[in-house]
């Protein structure tokens, strides 16, 4: 996605009105203080990064920023991935769990890149 020491900034195409920005901020406050969801379950008790982004935009503006997928749709064949799945779920991997990945949010068609490939520190 992004190389070390660089970043990409993406925003909603065409921008957001002040009212939309306020709705996003107000909705985002509901997610503050919730524990991180290491099992990536689609619930509101715990949360993970891209889930919060998706839910805030959906609940505030009715905008689905990123494609929801089932866990089974991802390539889970890498041995490192297999080990992490076993660590988190044991033998009961929730392959039907709805998830949204950071890559899906990044690739959302509603977003446009406004800055990229700029070193974080140039000195």
PDB file of N, CA and C in Angstrom:
ATOM      1  N   UNK A   1       0.826  -1.186   0.000  1.00  0.00           N
ATOM      2  CA  UNK A   1       0.000   0.000   0.000  1.00  0.00           C
ATOM      3  C   UNK A   1       0.871   1.252   0.000  1.00  0.00           C
ATOM      4  N   UNK A   2       1.583   1.517   1.082  1.00  0.00           N
ATOM      5  CA  UNK A   2       2.413   2.716   1.166  1.00  0.00           C
ATOM      6  C   UNK A   2       3.795   2.300   1.668  1.00  0.00           C
ATOM      7  N   UNK A   3       4.825   2.817   1.035  1.00  0.00           N
ATOM      8  CA  UNK A   3       6.199   2.503   1.438  1.00  0.00           C
ATOM      9  C   UNK A   3       6.551   3.202   2.743  1.00  0.00           C
ATOM     10  N   UNK A   4       7.488   2.594   3.478  1.00  0.00           N
ATOM     11  CA  UNK A   4       7.937   3.169   4.748  1.00  0.00           C
ATOM     12  C   UNK A   4       8.474   4.583   4.525  1.00  0.00           C
ATOM     13  N   UNK A   5       8.074   5.502   5.407  1.00  0.00           N
ATOM     14  CA  UNK A   5       8.536   6.876   5.311  1.00  0.00           C
ATOM     15  C   UNK A   5       7.735   7.735   4.351  1.00  0.00           C
ATOM     16  N   UNK A   6       6.684   7.201   3.782  1.00  0.00           N
ATOM     17  CA  UNK A   6       5.828   7.943   2.848  1.00  0.00           C
ATOM     18  C   UNK A   6       4.381   7.792   3.313  1.00  0.00           C
ATOM     19  N   UNK A   7       3.515   8.574   2.747  1.00  0.00           N
ATOM     20  CA  UNK A   7       2.105   8.441   3.089  1.00  0.00           C
ATOM     21  C   UNK A   7       1.238   8.820   1.901  1.00  0.00           C
ATOM     22  N   UNK A   8      -0.030   8.465   2.010  1.00  0.00           N
ATOM     23  CA  UNK A   8      -1.031   8.837   1.017  1.00  0.00           C
ATOM     24  C   UNK A   8      -2.229   9.385   1.781  1.00  0.00           C
ATOM     25  N   UNK A   9      -2.749  10.519   1.340  1.00  0.00           N
ATOM     26  CA  UNK A   9      -3.942  11.110   1.939  1.00  0.00           C
ATOM     27  C   UNK A   9      -5.069  10.993   0.931  1.00  0.00           C
ATOM     28  N   UNK A  10      -6.174  10.376   1.367  1.00  0.00           N
ATOM     29  CA  UNK A  10      -7.348  10.241   0.499  1.00  0.00           C
ATOM     30  C   UNK A  10      -8.536  10.881   1.201  1.00  0.00           C
ATOM     31  N   UNK A  11      -9.362  11.542   0.412  1.00  0.00           N
ATOM     32  CA  UNK A  11     -10.558  12.205   0.942  1.00  0.00           C
ATOM     33  C   UNK A  11     -11.738  11.900   0.043  1.00  0.00           C
ATOM     34  N   UNK A  12     -12.917  12.191   0.562  1.00  0.00           N
ATOM     35  CA  UNK A  12     -14.132  11.995  -0.224  1.00  0.00           C
ATOM     36  C   UNK A  12     -14.086  12.914  -1.440  1.00  0.00           C
ATOM     37  N   UNK A  13     -14.320  12.336  -2.596  1.00  0.00           N
ATOM     38  CA  UNK A  13     -14.333  13.086  -3.860  1.00  0.00           C
ATOM     39  C   UNK A  13     -15.323  14.239  -3.753  1.00  0.00           C
ATOM     40  N   UNK A  14     -14.889  15.434  -4.090  1.00  0.00           N
ATOM     41  CA  UNK A  14     -15.761  16.604  -4.049  1.00  0.00           C
ATOM     42  C   UNK A  14     -15.856  17.256  -2.682  1.00  0.00           C
ATOM     43  N   UNK A  15     -15.261  16.639  -1.675  1.00  0.00           N
ATOM     44  CA  UNK A  15     -15.272  17.205  -0.331  1.00  0.00           C
ATOM     45  C   UNK A  15     -16.577  16.957   0.408  1.00  0.00           C
ATOM     46  N   UNK A  16     -16.621  17.410   1.619  1.00  0.00           N
ATOM     47  CA  UNK A  16     -17.798  17.262   2.468  1.00  0.00           C
ATOM     48  C   UNK A  16     -18.249  18.631   2.948  1.00  0.00           C
ATOM     49  N   UNK A  17     -19.549  18.792   3.085  1.00  0.00           N
ATOM     50  CA  UNK A  17     -20.084  20.046   3.617  1.00  0.00           C
ATOM     51  C   UNK A  17     -19.756  20.131   5.109  1.00  0.00           C
ATOM     52  N   UNK A  18     -19.898  21.301   5.667  1.00  0.00           N
ATOM     53  CA  UNK A  18     -19.674  21.493   7.102  1.00  0.00           C
ATOM     54  C   UNK A  18     -20.627  20.594   7.885  1.00  0.00           C
ATOM     55  N   UNK A  19     -21.863  20.506   7.432  1.00  0.00           N
ATOM     56  CA  UNK A  19     -22.852  19.657   8.105  1.00  0.00           C
ATOM     57  C   UNK A  19     -22.415  18.191   8.079  1.00  0.00           C
ATOM     58  N   UNK A  20     -21.926  17.717   6.947  1.00  0.00           N
ATOM     59  CA  UNK A  20     -21.455  16.335   6.845  1.00  0.00           C
ATOM     60  C   UNK A  20     -20.248  16.102   7.753  1.00  0.00           C
ATOM     61  N   UNK A  21     -19.342  17.060   7.799  1.00  0.00           N
ATOM     62  CA  UNK A  21     -18.175  16.943   8.673  1.00  0.00           C
ATOM     63  C   UNK A  21     -18.605  16.859  10.137  1.00  0.00           C
ATOM     64  N   UNK A  22     -19.586  17.662  10.503  1.00  0.00           N
ATOM     65  CA  UNK A  22     -20.079  17.649  11.879  1.00  0.00           C
ATOM     66  C   UNK A  22     -20.741  16.315  12.207  1.00  0.00           C
ATOM     67  N   UNK A  23     -21.507  15.769  11.256  1.00  0.00           N
ATOM     68  CA  UNK A  23     -22.138  14.464  11.466  1.00  0.00           C
ATOM     69  C   UNK A  23     -21.093  13.375  11.650  1.00  0.00           C
ATOM     70  N   UNK A  24     -20.036  13.428  10.833  1.00  0.00           N
ATOM     71  CA  UNK A  24     -18.956  12.446  10.968  1.00  0.00           C
ATOM     72  C   UNK A  24     -18.307  12.543  12.347  1.00  0.00           C
ATOM     73  N   UNK A  25     -17.982  13.755  12.773  1.00  0.00           N
ATOM     74  CA  UNK A  25     -17.331  13.949  14.072  1.00  0.00           C
ATOM     75  C   UNK A  25     -18.232  13.485  15.211  1.00  0.00           C
ATOM     76  N   UNK A  26     -19.501  13.825  15.132  1.00  0.00           N
ATOM     77  CA  UNK A  26     -20.457  13.444  16.167  1.00  0.00           C
ATOM     78  C   UNK A  26     -20.605  11.921  16.226  1.00  0.00           C
ATOM     79  N   UNK A  27     -20.689  11.291  15.081  1.00  0.00           N
ATOM     80  CA  UNK A  27     -20.820   9.836  15.020  1.00  0.00           C
ATOM     81  C   UNK A  27     -19.549   9.156  15.511  1.00  0.00           C
ATOM     82  N   UNK A  28     -18.402   9.684  15.142  1.00  0.00           N
ATOM     83  CA  UNK A  28     -17.121   9.091  15.548  1.00  0.00           C
ATOM     84  C   UNK A  28     -16.962   9.079  17.067  1.00  0.00           C
ATOM     85  N   UNK A  29     -17.513  10.069  17.743  1.00  0.00           N
ATOM     86  CA  UNK A  29     -17.398  10.143  19.201  1.00  0.00           C
ATOM     87  C   UNK A  29     -17.995   8.914  19.878  1.00  0.00           C
ATOM     88  N   UNK A  30     -18.991   8.297  19.256  1.00  0.00           N
ATOM     89  CA  UNK A  30     -19.624   7.107  19.846  1.00  0.00           C
ATOM     90  C   UNK A  30     -18.665   5.923  19.904  1.00  0.00           C
ATOM     91  N   UNK A  31     -17.613   5.966  19.122  1.00  0.00           N
ATOM     92  CA  UNK A  31     -16.669   4.848  19.063  1.00  0.00           C
ATOM     93  C   UNK A  31     -15.439   5.062  19.941  1.00  0.00           C
ATOM     94  N   UNK A  32     -15.304   6.231  20.528  1.00  0.00           N
ATOM     95  CA  UNK A  32     -14.156   6.523  21.383  1.00  0.00           C
ATOM     96  C   UNK A  32     -14.169   5.650  22.633  1.00  0.00           C
ATOM     97  N   UNK A  33     -13.001   5.173  23.022  1.00  0.00           N
ATOM     98  CA  UNK A  33     -12.872   4.430  24.263  1.00  0.00           C
ATOM     99  C   UNK A  33     -13.221   2.959  24.194  1.00  0.00           C
ATOM    100  N   UNK A  34     -13.669   2.484  23.047  1.00  0.00           N
ATOM    101  CA  UNK A  34     -13.992   1.061  22.931  1.00  0.00           C
ATOM    102  C   UNK A  34     -12.701   0.266  22.740  1.00  0.00           C
ATOM    103  N   UNK A  35     -12.652  -0.939  23.295  1.00  0.00           N
ATOM    104  CA  UNK A  35     -11.430  -1.737  23.152  1.00  0.00           C
ATOM    105  C   UNK A  35     -11.215  -2.215  21.718  1.00  0.00           C
ATOM    106  N   UNK A  36      -9.938  -2.481  21.407  1.00  0.00           N
ATOM    107  CA  UNK A  36      -9.584  -2.972  20.075  1.00  0.00           C
ATOM    108  C   UNK A  36     -10.072  -4.407  19.922  1.00  0.00           C
ATOM    109  N   UNK A  37     -10.548  -4.733  18.741  1.00  0.00           N
ATOM    110  CA  UNK A  37     -11.093  -6.061  18.456  1.00  0.00           C
ATOM    111  C   UNK A  37     -10.063  -6.907  17.710  1.00  0.00           C
ATOM    112  N   UNK A  38      -9.301  -7.688  18.450  1.00  0.00           N
ATOM    113  CA  UNK A  38      -8.274  -8.536  17.843  1.00  0.00           C
ATOM    114  C   UNK A  38      -8.869  -9.722  17.097  1.00  0.00           C
ATOM    115  N   UNK A  39     -10.152 -10.007  17.311  1.00  0.00           N
ATOM    116  CA  UNK A  39     -10.789 -11.113  16.586  1.00  0.00           C
ATOM    117  C   UNK A  39     -11.530 -10.626  15.343  1.00  0.00           C
ATOM    118  N   UNK A  40     -11.551  -9.323  15.124  1.00  0.00           N
ATOM    119  CA  UNK A  40     -12.161  -8.720  13.935  1.00  0.00           C
ATOM    120  C   UNK A  40     -13.626  -9.116  13.754  1.00  0.00           C
ATOM    121  N   UNK A  41     -14.369  -9.163  14.848  1.00  0.00           N
ATOM    122  CA  UNK A  41     -15.796  -9.477  14.730  1.00  0.00           C
ATOM    123  C   UNK A  41     -16.565  -8.202  14.392  1.00  0.00           C
ATOM    124  N   UNK A  42     -17.652  -8.365  13.657  1.00  0.00           N
ATOM    125  CA  UNK A  42     -18.446  -7.227  13.195  1.00  0.00           C
ATOM    126  C   UNK A  42     -19.494  -6.910  14.253  1.00  0.00           C
ATOM    127  N   UNK A  43     -19.034  -6.327  15.361  1.00  0.00           N
ATOM    128  CA  UNK A  43     -19.938  -5.960  16.446  1.00  0.00           C
ATOM    129  C   UNK A  43     -19.586  -4.550  16.898  1.00  0.00           C
ATOM    130  N   UNK A  44     -20.375  -4.016  17.798  1.00  0.00           N
ATOM    131  CA  UNK A  44     -20.097  -2.677  18.301  1.00  0.00           C
ATOM    132  C   UNK A  44     -19.472  -2.701  19.695  1.00  0.00           C
ATOM    133  N   UNK A  45     -19.276  -3.895  20.265  1.00  0.00           N
ATOM    134  CA  UNK A  45     -18.667  -4.002  21.592  1.00  0.00           C
ATOM    135  C   UNK A  45     -17.178  -3.695  21.546  1.00  0.00           C
ATOM    136  N   UNK A  46     -16.527  -4.212  20.529  1.00  0.00           N
ATOM    137  CA  UNK A  46     -15.107  -3.987  20.275  1.00  0.00           C
ATOM    138  C   UNK A  46     -14.993  -3.558  18.826  1.00  0.00           C
ATOM    139  N   UNK A  47     -13.866  -2.982  18.457  1.00  0.00           N
ATOM    140  CA  UNK A  47     -13.750  -2.475  17.092  1.00  0.00           C
ATOM    141  C   UNK A  47     -12.316  -2.550  16.603  1.00  0.00           C
ATOM    142  N   UNK A  48     -12.169  -2.586  15.305  1.00  0.00           N
ATOM    143  CA  UNK A  48     -10.839  -2.475  14.694  1.00  0.00           C
ATOM    144  C   UNK A  48     -10.869  -1.297  13.733  1.00  0.00           C
ATOM    145  N   UNK A  49      -9.683  -0.833  13.341  1.00  0.00           N
ATOM    146  CA  UNK A  49      -9.513   0.447  12.647  1.00  0.00           C
ATOM    147  C   UNK A  49     -10.433   0.646  11.442  1.00  0.00           C
ATOM    148  N   UNK A  50     -10.363  -0.245  10.466  1.00  0.00           N
ATOM    149  CA  UNK A  50     -11.150  -0.035   9.249  1.00  0.00           C
ATOM    150  C   UNK A  50     -12.643  -0.224   9.502  1.00  0.00           C
ATOM    151  N   UNK A  51     -12.997  -1.010  10.506  1.00  0.00           N
ATOM    152  CA  UNK A  51     -14.402  -1.166  10.881  1.00  0.00           C
ATOM    153  C   UNK A  51     -14.961   0.167  11.372  1.00  0.00           C
ATOM    154  N   UNK A  52     -14.177   0.879  12.184  1.00  0.00           N
ATOM    155  CA  UNK A  52     -14.620   2.179  12.700  1.00  0.00           C
ATOM    156  C   UNK A  52     -14.844   3.153  11.552  1.00  0.00           C
ATOM    157  N   UNK A  53     -13.888   3.245  10.649  1.00  0.00           N
ATOM    158  CA  UNK A  53     -14.021   4.157   9.505  1.00  0.00           C
ATOM    159  C   UNK A  53     -15.280   3.818   8.723  1.00  0.00           C
ATOM    160  N   UNK A  54     -15.467   2.544   8.405  1.00  0.00           N
ATOM    161  CA  UNK A  54     -16.625   2.109   7.617  1.00  0.00           C
ATOM    162  C   UNK A  54     -17.926   2.472   8.331  1.00  0.00           C
ATOM    163  N   UNK A  55     -18.015   2.129   9.616  1.00  0.00           N
ATOM    164  CA  UNK A  55     -19.259   2.358  10.364  1.00  0.00           C
ATOM    165  C   UNK A  55     -19.546   3.843  10.571  1.00  0.00           C
ATOM    166  N   UNK A  56     -18.528   4.642  10.793  1.00  0.00           N
ATOM    167  CA  UNK A  56     -18.750   6.080  10.977  1.00  0.00           C
ATOM    168  C   UNK A  56     -19.321   6.690   9.700  1.00  0.00           C
ATOM    169  N   UNK A  57     -18.714   6.404   8.568  1.00  0.00           N
ATOM    170  CA  UNK A  57     -19.237   6.944   7.305  1.00  0.00           C
ATOM    171  C   UNK A  57     -20.632   6.403   7.004  1.00  0.00           C
ATOM    172  N   UNK A  58     -20.864   5.122   7.251  1.00  0.00           N
ATOM    173  CA  UNK A  58     -22.174   4.525   6.983  1.00  0.00           C
ATOM    174  C   UNK A  58     -23.240   5.133   7.889  1.00  0.00           C
ATOM    175  N   UNK A  59     -22.964   5.201   9.182  1.00  0.00           N
ATOM    176  CA  UNK A  59     -23.966   5.696  10.131  1.00  0.00           C
ATOM    177  C   UNK A  59     -24.192   7.199  10.032  1.00  0.00           C
ATOM    178  N   UNK A  60     -23.161   7.952   9.693  1.00  0.00           N
ATOM    179  CA  UNK A  60     -23.302   9.410   9.613  1.00  0.00           C
ATOM    180  C   UNK A  60     -23.861   9.867   8.275  1.00  0.00           C
ATOM    181  N   UNK A  61     -23.377   9.268   7.193  1.00  0.00           N
ATOM    182  CA  UNK A  61     -23.703   9.778   5.854  1.00  0.00           C
ATOM    183  C   UNK A  61     -24.352   8.755   4.931  1.00  0.00           C
ATOM    184  N   UNK A  62     -24.520   7.521   5.405  1.00  0.00           N
ATOM    185  CA  UNK A  62     -25.067   6.479   4.538  1.00  0.00           C
ATOM    186  C   UNK A  62     -24.099   6.086   3.435  1.00  0.00           C
ATOM    187  N   UNK A  63     -22.815   6.323   3.655  1.00  0.00           N
ATOM    188  CA  UNK A  63     -21.784   6.070   2.643  1.00  0.00           C
ATOM    189  C   UNK A  63     -20.980   4.832   3.041  1.00  0.00           C
ATOM    190  N   UNK A  64     -20.921   3.853   2.146  1.00  0.00           N
ATOM    191  CA  UNK A  64     -20.138   2.639   2.402  1.00  0.00           C
ATOM    192  C   UNK A  64     -18.741   2.824   1.827  1.00  0.00           C
ATOM    193  N   UNK A  65     -17.817   3.181   2.695  1.00  0.00           N
ATOM    194  CA  UNK A  65     -16.444   3.452   2.283  1.00  0.00           C
ATOM    195  C   UNK A  65     -15.653   2.150   2.400  1.00  0.00           C
ATOM    196  N   UNK A  66     -15.579   1.426   1.312  1.00  0.00           N
ATOM    197  CA  UNK A  66     -14.898   0.135   1.295  1.00  0.00           C
ATOM    198  C   UNK A  66     -15.888  -1.000   1.182  1.00  0.00           C
ATOM    199  N   UNK A  67     -15.446  -2.042   0.536  1.00  0.00           N
ATOM    200  CA  UNK A  67     -16.293  -3.213   0.309  1.00  0.00           C
ATOM    201  C   UNK A  67     -16.210  -4.164   1.500  1.00  0.00           C
ATOM    202  N   UNK A  68     -17.366  -4.530   2.034  1.00  0.00           N
ATOM    203  CA  UNK A  68     -17.413  -5.555   3.071  1.00  0.00           C
ATOM    204  C   UNK A  68     -17.172  -6.908   2.408  1.00  0.00           C
ATOM    205  N   UNK A  69     -16.464  -7.775   3.119  1.00  0.00           N
ATOM    206  CA  UNK A  69     -16.196  -9.110   2.610  1.00  0.00           C
ATOM    207  C   UNK A  69     -16.349 -10.112   3.741  1.00  0.00           C
ATOM    208  N   UNK A  70     -16.394 -11.376   3.387  1.00  0.00           N
ATOM    209  CA  UNK A  70     -16.343 -12.451   4.369  1.00  0.00           C
ATOM    210  C   UNK A  70     -14.877 -12.817   4.551  1.00  0.00           C
ATOM    211  N   UNK A  71     -14.513 -13.222   5.739  1.00  0.00           N
ATOM    212  CA  UNK A  71     -13.127 -13.584   6.015  1.00  0.00           C
ATOM    213  C   UNK A  71     -12.622 -14.632   5.025  1.00  0.00           C
ATOM    214  N   UNK A  72     -13.493 -15.544   4.624  1.00  0.00           N
ATOM    215  CA  UNK A  72     -13.093 -16.621   3.712  1.00  0.00           C
ATOM    216  C   UNK A  72     -12.696 -16.111   2.325  1.00  0.00           C
ATOM    217  N   UNK A  73     -13.041 -14.872   1.981  1.00  0.00           N
ATOM    218  CA  UNK A  73     -12.707 -14.314   0.669  1.00  0.00           C
ATOM    219  C   UNK A  73     -11.248 -13.872   0.575  1.00  0.00           C
ATOM    220  N   UNK A  74     -10.563 -13.788   1.702  1.00  0.00           N
ATOM    221  CA  UNK A  74      -9.162 -13.367   1.709  1.00  0.00           C
ATOM    222  C   UNK A  74      -8.253 -14.573   1.493  1.00  0.00           C
ATOM    223  N   UNK A  75      -7.061 -14.320   1.003  1.00  0.00           N
ATOM    224  CA  UNK A  75      -6.061 -15.376   0.868  1.00  0.00           C
ATOM    225  C   UNK A  75      -5.495 -15.650   2.257  1.00  0.00           C
ATOM    226  N   UNK A  76      -5.885 -16.762   2.820  1.00  0.00           N
ATOM    227  CA  UNK A  76      -5.480 -17.123   4.172  1.00  0.00           C
ATOM    228  C   UNK A  76      -4.418 -18.219   4.169  1.00  0.00           C
ATOM    229  N   UNK A  77      -3.800 -18.445   3.028  1.00  0.00           N
ATOM    230  CA  UNK A  77      -2.892 -19.585   2.864  1.00  0.00           C
ATOM    231  C   UNK A  77      -1.472 -19.349   3.379  1.00  0.00           C
ATOM    232  N   UNK A  78      -1.069 -18.116   3.565  1.00  0.00           N
ATOM    233  CA  UNK A  78       0.283 -17.833   4.036  1.00  0.00           C
ATOM    234  C   UNK A  78       0.488 -18.441   5.427  1.00  0.00           C
ATOM    235  N   UNK A  79       1.617 -19.107   5.662  1.00  0.00           N
ATOM    236  CA  UNK A  79       1.862 -19.729   6.976  1.00  0.00           C
ATOM    237  C   UNK A  79       1.787 -18.743   8.148  1.00  0.00           C
ATOM    238  N   UNK A  80       2.222 -17.508   7.945  1.00  0.00           N
ATOM    239  CA  UNK A  80       2.124 -16.507   9.011  1.00  0.00           C
ATOM    240  C   UNK A  80       0.669 -16.175   9.320  1.00  0.00           C
ATOM    241  N   UNK A  81      -0.139 -16.086   8.272  1.00  0.00           N
ATOM    242  CA  UNK A  81      -1.571 -15.829   8.449  1.00  0.00           C
ATOM    243  C   UNK A  81      -2.216 -17.018   9.148  1.00  0.00           C
ATOM    244  N   UNK A  82      -1.875 -18.228   8.714  1.00  0.00           N
ATOM    245  CA  UNK A  82      -2.416 -19.441   9.335  1.00  0.00           C
ATOM    246  C   UNK A  82      -2.091 -19.482  10.832  1.00  0.00           C
ATOM    247  N   UNK A  83      -0.854 -19.135  11.176  1.00  0.00           N
ATOM    248  CA  UNK A  83      -0.443 -19.144  12.582  1.00  0.00           C
ATOM    249  C   UNK A  83      -1.234 -18.121  13.392  1.00  0.00           C
ATOM    250  N   UNK A  84      -1.441 -16.936  12.842  1.00  0.00           N
ATOM    251  CA  UNK A  84      -2.193 -15.891  13.547  1.00  0.00           C
ATOM    252  C   UNK A  84      -3.656 -16.300  13.710  1.00  0.00           C
ATOM    253  N   UNK A  85      -4.231 -16.899  12.680  1.00  0.00           N
ATOM    254  CA  UNK A  85      -5.615 -17.370  12.773  1.00  0.00           C
ATOM    255  C   UNK A  85      -5.753 -18.431  13.861  1.00  0.00           C
ATOM    256  N   UNK A  86      -4.815 -19.362  13.897  1.00  0.00           N
ATOM    257  CA  UNK A  86      -4.849 -20.420  14.911  1.00  0.00           C
ATOM    258  C   UNK A  86      -4.701 -19.826  16.310  1.00  0.00           C
ATOM    259  N   UNK A  87      -3.814 -18.844  16.446  1.00  0.00           N
ATOM    260  CA  UNK A  87      -3.606 -18.180  17.732  1.00  0.00           C
ATOM    261  C   UNK A  87      -4.877 -17.487  18.213  1.00  0.00           C
ATOM    262  N   UNK A  88      -5.574 -16.832  17.306  1.00  0.00           N
ATOM    263  CA  UNK A  88      -6.759 -16.051  17.688  1.00  0.00           C
ATOM    264  C   UNK A  88      -8.027 -16.883  17.814  1.00  0.00           C
ATOM    265  N   UNK A  89      -8.169 -17.892  16.964  1.00  0.00           N
ATOM    266  CA  UNK A  89      -9.441 -18.612  16.892  1.00  0.00           C
ATOM    267  C   UNK A  89      -9.354 -20.094  17.224  1.00  0.00           C
ATOM    268  N   UNK A  90      -8.154 -20.629  17.341  1.00  0.00           N
ATOM    269  CA  UNK A  90      -8.029 -22.072  17.514  1.00  0.00           C
ATOM    270  C   UNK A  90      -8.482 -22.763  16.239  1.00  0.00           C
ATOM    271  N   UNK A  91      -9.323 -23.762  16.396  1.00  0.00           N
ATOM    272  CA  UNK A  91      -9.818 -24.510  15.223  1.00  0.00           C
ATOM    273  C   UNK A  91     -11.113 -23.924  14.666  1.00  0.00           C
ATOM    274  N   UNK A  92     -11.672 -22.937  15.353  1.00  0.00           N
ATOM    275  CA  UNK A  92     -12.968 -22.375  14.956  1.00  0.00           C
ATOM    276  C   UNK A  92     -12.805 -21.030  14.264  1.00  0.00           C
ATOM    277  N   UNK A  93     -12.196 -21.025  13.105  1.00  0.00           N
ATOM    278  CA  UNK A  93     -11.982 -19.787  12.352  1.00  0.00           C
ATOM    279  C   UNK A  93     -13.320 -19.334  11.766  1.00  0.00           C
ATOM    280  N   UNK A  94     -13.765 -18.119  12.085  1.00  0.00           N
ATOM    281  CA  UNK A  94     -15.076 -17.638  11.620  1.00  0.00           C
ATOM    282  C   UNK A  94     -15.034 -17.165  10.158  1.00  0.00           C
ATOM    283  N   UNK A  95     -14.975 -18.098   9.253  1.00  0.00           N
ATOM    284  CA  UNK A  95     -14.817 -17.773   7.835  1.00  0.00           C
ATOM    285  C   UNK A  95     -15.986 -16.974   7.266  1.00  0.00           C
ATOM    286  N   UNK A  96     -17.139 -17.030   7.917  1.00  0.00           N
ATOM    287  CA  UNK A  96     -18.318 -16.289   7.452  1.00  0.00           C
ATOM    288  C   UNK A  96     -18.423 -14.896   8.080  1.00  0.00           C
ATOM    289  N   UNK A  97     -17.440 -14.530   8.899  1.00  0.00           N
ATOM    290  CA  UNK A  97     -17.463 -13.219   9.561  1.00  0.00           C
ATOM    291  C   UNK A  97     -17.342 -12.098   8.527  1.00  0.00           C
ATOM    292  N   UNK A  98     -18.182 -11.088   8.664  1.00  0.00           N
ATOM    293  CA  UNK A  98     -18.096  -9.905   7.809  1.00  0.00           C
ATOM    294  C   UNK A  98     -16.943  -9.045   8.294  1.00  0.00           C
ATOM    295  N   UNK A  99     -16.110  -8.614   7.367  1.00  0.00           N
ATOM    296  CA  UNK A  99     -14.972  -7.751   7.698  1.00  0.00           C
ATOM    297  C   UNK A  99     -14.825  -6.688   6.620  1.00  0.00           C
ATOM    298  N   UNK A 100     -14.114  -5.636   6.968  1.00  0.00           N
ATOM    299  CA  UNK A 100     -13.713  -4.638   5.977  1.00  0.00           C
ATOM    300  C   UNK A 100     -12.231  -4.373   6.229  1.00  0.00           C
ATOM    301  N   UNK A 101     -11.445  -4.515   5.198  1.00  0.00           N
ATOM    302  CA  UNK A 101      -9.994  -4.392   5.352  1.00  0.00           C
ATOM    303  C   UNK A 101      -9.536  -2.950   5.146  1.00  0.00           C
ATOM    304  N   UNK A 102      -8.374  -2.606   5.679  1.00  0.00           N
ATOM    305  CA  UNK A 102      -7.813  -1.282   5.402  1.00  0.00           C
ATOM    306  C   UNK A 102      -7.637  -1.050   3.897  1.00  0.00           C
ATOM    307  N   UNK A 103      -7.265  -2.093   3.167  1.00  0.00           N
ATOM    308  CA  UNK A 103      -7.090  -1.957   1.721  1.00  0.00           C
ATOM    309  C   UNK A 103      -8.419  -1.627   1.045  1.00  0.00           C
ATOM    310  N   UNK A 104      -9.508  -2.244   1.524  1.00  0.00           N
ATOM    311  CA  UNK A 104     -10.827  -1.967   0.951  1.00  0.00           C
ATOM    312  C   UNK A 104     -11.222  -0.510   1.176  1.00  0.00           C
ATOM    313  N   UNK A 105     -10.940   0.011   2.365  1.00  0.00           N
ATOM    314  CA  UNK A 105     -11.233   1.424   2.640  1.00  0.00           C
ATOM    315  C   UNK A 105     -10.368   2.304   1.744  1.00  0.00           C
ATOM    316  N   UNK A 106      -9.091   1.988   1.656  1.00  0.00           N
ATOM    317  CA  UNK A 106      -8.168   2.763   0.822  1.00  0.00           C
ATOM    318  C   UNK A 106      -8.628   2.802  -0.635  1.00  0.00           C
ATOM    319  N   UNK A 107      -9.133   1.676  -1.130  1.00  0.00           N
ATOM    320  CA  UNK A 107      -9.546   1.554  -2.530  1.00  0.00           C
ATOM    321  C   UNK A 107     -10.967   2.038  -2.804  1.00  0.00           C
ATOM    322  N   UNK A 108     -11.670   2.531  -1.798  1.00  0.00           N
ATOM    323  CA  UNK A 108     -13.068   2.943  -1.970  1.00  0.00           C
ATOM    324  C   UNK A 108     -13.198   3.948  -3.115  1.00  0.00           C
ATOM    325  N   UNK A 109     -14.128   3.703  -4.037  1.00  0.00           N
ATOM    326  CA  UNK A 109     -14.265   4.587  -5.199  1.00  0.00           C
ATOM    327  C   UNK A 109     -14.720   6.003  -4.859  1.00  0.00           C
ATOM    328  N   UNK A 110     -15.277   6.209  -3.671  1.00  0.00           N
ATOM    329  CA  UNK A 110     -15.711   7.553  -3.271  1.00  0.00           C
ATOM    330  C   UNK A 110     -14.538   8.433  -2.869  1.00  0.00           C
ATOM    331  N   UNK A 111     -13.371   7.830  -2.695  1.00  0.00           N
ATOM    332  CA  UNK A 111     -12.211   8.577  -2.214  1.00  0.00           C
ATOM    333  C   UNK A 111     -11.274   8.938  -3.352  1.00  0.00           C
ATOM    334  N   UNK A 112     -10.630  10.076  -3.202  1.00  0.00           N
ATOM    335  CA  UNK A 112      -9.645  10.532  -4.171  1.00  0.00           C
ATOM    336  C   UNK A 112      -8.353  10.879  -3.430  1.00  0.00           C
ATOM    337  N   UNK A 113      -7.237  10.664  -4.083  1.00  0.00           N
ATOM    338  CA  UNK A 113      -5.945  10.967  -3.477  1.00  0.00           C
ATOM    339  C   UNK A 113      -5.661  12.458  -3.596  1.00  0.00           C
ATOM    340  N   UNK A 114      -5.327  13.081  -2.468  1.00  0.00           N
ATOM    341  CA  UNK A 114      -5.024  14.516  -2.471  1.00  0.00           C
ATOM    342  C   UNK A 114      -3.553  14.794  -2.175  1.00  0.00           C
ATOM    343  N   UNK A 115      -2.825  13.804  -1.680  1.00  0.00           N
ATOM    344  CA  UNK A 115      -1.382  13.944  -1.444  1.00  0.00           C
ATOM    345  C   UNK A 115      -0.775  12.552  -1.393  1.00  0.00           C
ATOM    346  N   UNK A 116       0.452  12.427  -1.923  1.00  0.00           N
ATOM    347  CA  UNK A 116       1.107  11.118  -1.874  1.00  0.00           C
ATOM    348  C   UNK A 116       2.606  11.239  -2.128  1.00  0.00           C
ATOM    349  N   UNK A 117       3.284  10.155  -1.812  1.00  0.00           N
ATOM    350  CA  UNK A 117       4.711  10.014  -2.099  1.00  0.00           C
ATOM    351  C   UNK A 117       5.552  11.169  -1.586  1.00  0.00           C
ATOM    352  N   UNK A 118       5.179  11.710  -0.468  1.00  0.00           N
ATOM    353  CA  UNK A 118       5.931  12.812   0.101  1.00  0.00           C
ATOM    354  C   UNK A 118       6.608  12.317   1.365  1.00  0.00           C
ATOM    355  N   UNK A 119       7.920  12.461   1.495  1.00  0.00           N
ATOM    356  CA  UNK A 119       8.602  11.956   2.694  1.00  0.00           C
ATOM    357  C   UNK A 119       8.048  12.598   3.965  1.00  0.00           C
ATOM    358  N   UNK A 120       7.890  11.784   4.992  1.00  0.00           N
ATOM    359  CA  UNK A 120       7.425  12.321   6.273  1.00  0.00           C
ATOM    360  C   UNK A 120       8.447  13.276   6.865  1.00  0.00           C
ATOM    361  N   UNK A 121       9.721  12.920   6.736  1.00  0.00           N
ATOM    362  CA  UNK A 121      10.790  13.765   7.255  1.00  0.00           C
ATOM    363  C   UNK A 121      11.793  13.986   6.143  1.00  0.00           C
ATOM    364  N   UNK A 122      12.044  15.211   5.809  1.00  0.00           N
ATOM    365  CA  UNK A 122      12.951  15.496   4.698  1.00  0.00           C
ATOM    366  C   UNK A 122      14.321  15.971   5.163  1.00  0.00           C
ATOM    367  N   UNK A 123      14.533  16.023   6.464  1.00  0.00           N
ATOM    368  CA  UNK A 123      15.839  16.480   6.918  1.00  0.00           C
ATOM    369  C   UNK A 123      16.756  15.343   7.229  1.00  0.00           C
TER     370      UNK A 123
END
